[in-house]
Amino acid sequence: MKRAPNQPESQIVIYAGIYAKTWTVRDRGTLLPQHAHEFSHLSYIVSGVVRVWCEDVELGDFAGPRAIRIEARAKHRFLTLSDNVVILCLHNADRADPDGEPLIAEEHYLPLED
């Protein structure tokens, strides 16, 4: 798989017991790799259109604004179907690791060509 020309950008805010990570993805066709968290969370499509898989089952295409429930330890991934997608992942900050990050149950990396 070729590396996306414009890599997704993220911003993190932790406030009032909520961990919020915003992903801004400029280009359609960008894949955010499969991963799983120890605890359930919400992925909120703020803008744009994405295709979502959970446990290798296609959940469908979602246009923002739209909230998607992600169960604990469920492997999930996103493919952007439009330019300028914004995804907001919301976690309970009280269940974070010592660095403040949501606990990762499983993470996958994509083998990329240069």
Protein backbone atom coordinates (compact mmCIF):
# COMPACT_ATOMS: atom_id res chain seq x y z
CA MET A 1 0.00 0.00 0.00
CA LYS A 2 1.30 3.45 -0.84
CA ARG A 3 1.70 6.05 1.88
CA ALA A 4 -0.97 8.77 1.70
CA PRO A 5 0.54 12.00 0.34
CA ASN A 6 -0.96 13.94 3.25
CA GLN A 7 -0.77 12.00 6.51
CA PRO A 8 -3.68 12.28 8.96
CA GLU A 9 -3.14 14.96 11.59
CA SER A 10 -4.30 14.59 15.17
CA GLN A 11 -4.97 16.81 18.13
CA ILE A 12 -5.62 15.62 21.69
CA VAL A 13 -7.53 17.37 24.45
CA ILE A 14 -8.16 15.87 27.89
CA TYR A 15 -10.71 17.70 30.00
CA ALA A 16 -13.37 16.89 32.61
CA GLY A 17 -12.74 13.15 32.43
CA ILE A 18 -12.99 13.04 28.63
CA TYR A 19 -10.16 12.15 26.27
CA ALA A 20 -10.87 13.62 22.82
CA LYS A 21 -8.65 12.91 19.83
CA THR A 22 -9.49 14.69 16.60
CA TRP A 23 -8.22 13.21 13.32
CA THR A 24 -8.15 15.47 10.27
CA VAL A 25 -7.66 13.54 7.03
CA ARG A 26 -7.22 15.68 3.91
CA ASP A 27 -7.41 13.04 1.17
CA ARG A 28 -10.09 10.53 0.19
CA GLY A 29 -8.82 6.97 0.04
CA THR A 30 -6.78 7.25 3.24
CA LEU A 31 -6.93 4.20 5.52
CA LEU A 32 -6.67 4.59 9.28
CA PRO A 33 -5.32 1.19 10.37
CA GLN A 34 -7.18 -1.38 12.40
CA HIS A 35 -6.82 -1.19 16.16
CA ALA A 36 -8.74 -2.06 19.33
CA HIS A 37 -9.11 -0.33 22.70
CA GLU A 38 -9.59 -1.97 26.10
CA PHE A 39 -12.78 0.04 26.73
CA SER A 40 -15.79 1.03 24.62
CA HIS A 41 -15.76 4.49 23.08
CA LEU A 42 -17.46 6.71 20.51
CA SER A 43 -16.04 7.65 17.14
CA TYR A 44 -17.83 10.74 15.89
CA ILE A 45 -17.67 11.62 12.20
CA VAL A 46 -17.66 15.40 12.35
CA SER A 47 -17.44 15.98 8.60
CA GLY A 48 -16.91 14.01 5.43
CA VAL A 49 -17.72 10.40 4.60
CA VAL A 50 -15.97 7.24 5.86
CA ARG A 51 -16.37 3.49 5.46
CA VAL A 52 -16.06 1.66 8.78
CA TRP A 53 -15.18 -1.95 9.58
CA CYS A 54 -15.46 -3.57 12.98
CA GLU A 55 -14.04 -7.07 13.48
CA ASP A 56 -13.62 -7.26 9.67
CA VAL A 57 -17.36 -6.75 9.18
CA GLU A 58 -18.22 -3.71 7.09
CA LEU A 59 -20.56 -1.50 9.13
CA GLY A 60 -21.22 0.78 6.18
CA ASP A 61 -20.56 4.28 4.97
CA PHE A 62 -21.16 7.13 7.40
CA ALA A 63 -21.45 10.85 6.64
CA GLY A 64 -20.90 13.46 9.32
CA PRO A 65 -22.26 14.44 11.65
CA ARG A 66 -22.68 10.89 12.97
CA ALA A 67 -21.69 9.00 16.13
CA ILE A 68 -20.54 5.37 15.91
CA ARG A 69 -20.33 3.11 18.96
CA ILE A 70 -17.15 1.02 19.15
CA GLU A 71 -17.29 -1.84 21.65
CA ALA A 72 -14.35 -2.69 23.93
CA ARG A 73 -11.61 -4.80 22.29
CA ALA A 74 -13.34 -4.62 18.87
CA LYS A 75 -10.84 -4.15 16.04
CA HIS A 76 -11.96 -1.24 13.87
CA ARG A 77 -10.66 0.80 10.94
CA PHE A 78 -11.74 3.70 8.75
CA LEU A 79 -11.35 4.47 5.04
CA THR A 80 -12.04 8.05 3.97
CA LEU A 81 -14.45 8.30 1.02
CA SER A 82 -14.25 12.08 0.74
CA ASP A 83 -11.63 14.77 1.15
CA ASN A 84 -11.34 16.72 4.41
CA VAL A 85 -12.71 14.12 6.82
CA VAL A 86 -12.73 14.92 10.53
CA ILE A 87 -13.15 12.09 13.06
CA LEU A 88 -13.42 12.70 16.81
CA CYS A 89 -12.67 9.73 19.10
CA LEU A 90 -14.08 10.11 22.60
CA HIS A 91 -12.82 8.00 25.52
CA ASN A 92 -13.20 7.97 29.30
CA ALA A 93 -9.99 9.65 30.48
CA ASP A 94 -10.28 7.98 33.89
CA ARG A 95 -9.43 4.65 32.21
CA ALA A 96 -6.30 5.92 30.45
CA ASP A 97 -2.73 4.67 30.78
CA PRO A 98 -0.24 6.71 32.87
CA ASP A 99 0.53 8.92 29.85
CA GLY A 100 -3.16 9.79 29.50
CA GLU A 101 -3.71 7.67 26.36
CA PRO A 102 -6.64 5.23 26.02
CA LEU A 103 -5.52 1.67 26.69
CA ILE A 104 -4.79 -0.15 23.42
CA ALA A 105 -5.81 -3.81 23.30
CA GLU A 106 -4.40 -4.38 19.82
CA GLU A 107 -2.77 -2.21 17.17
CA HIS A 108 -1.88 -2.95 13.57
CA TYR A 109 0.49 -1.16 11.23
CA LEU A 110 0.33 -1.03 7.46
CA PRO A 111 3.33 -2.12 5.40
CA LEU A 112 3.87 0.96 3.23
CA GLU A 113 5.81 1.56 0.04
CA ASP A 114 7.84 4.75 -0.30
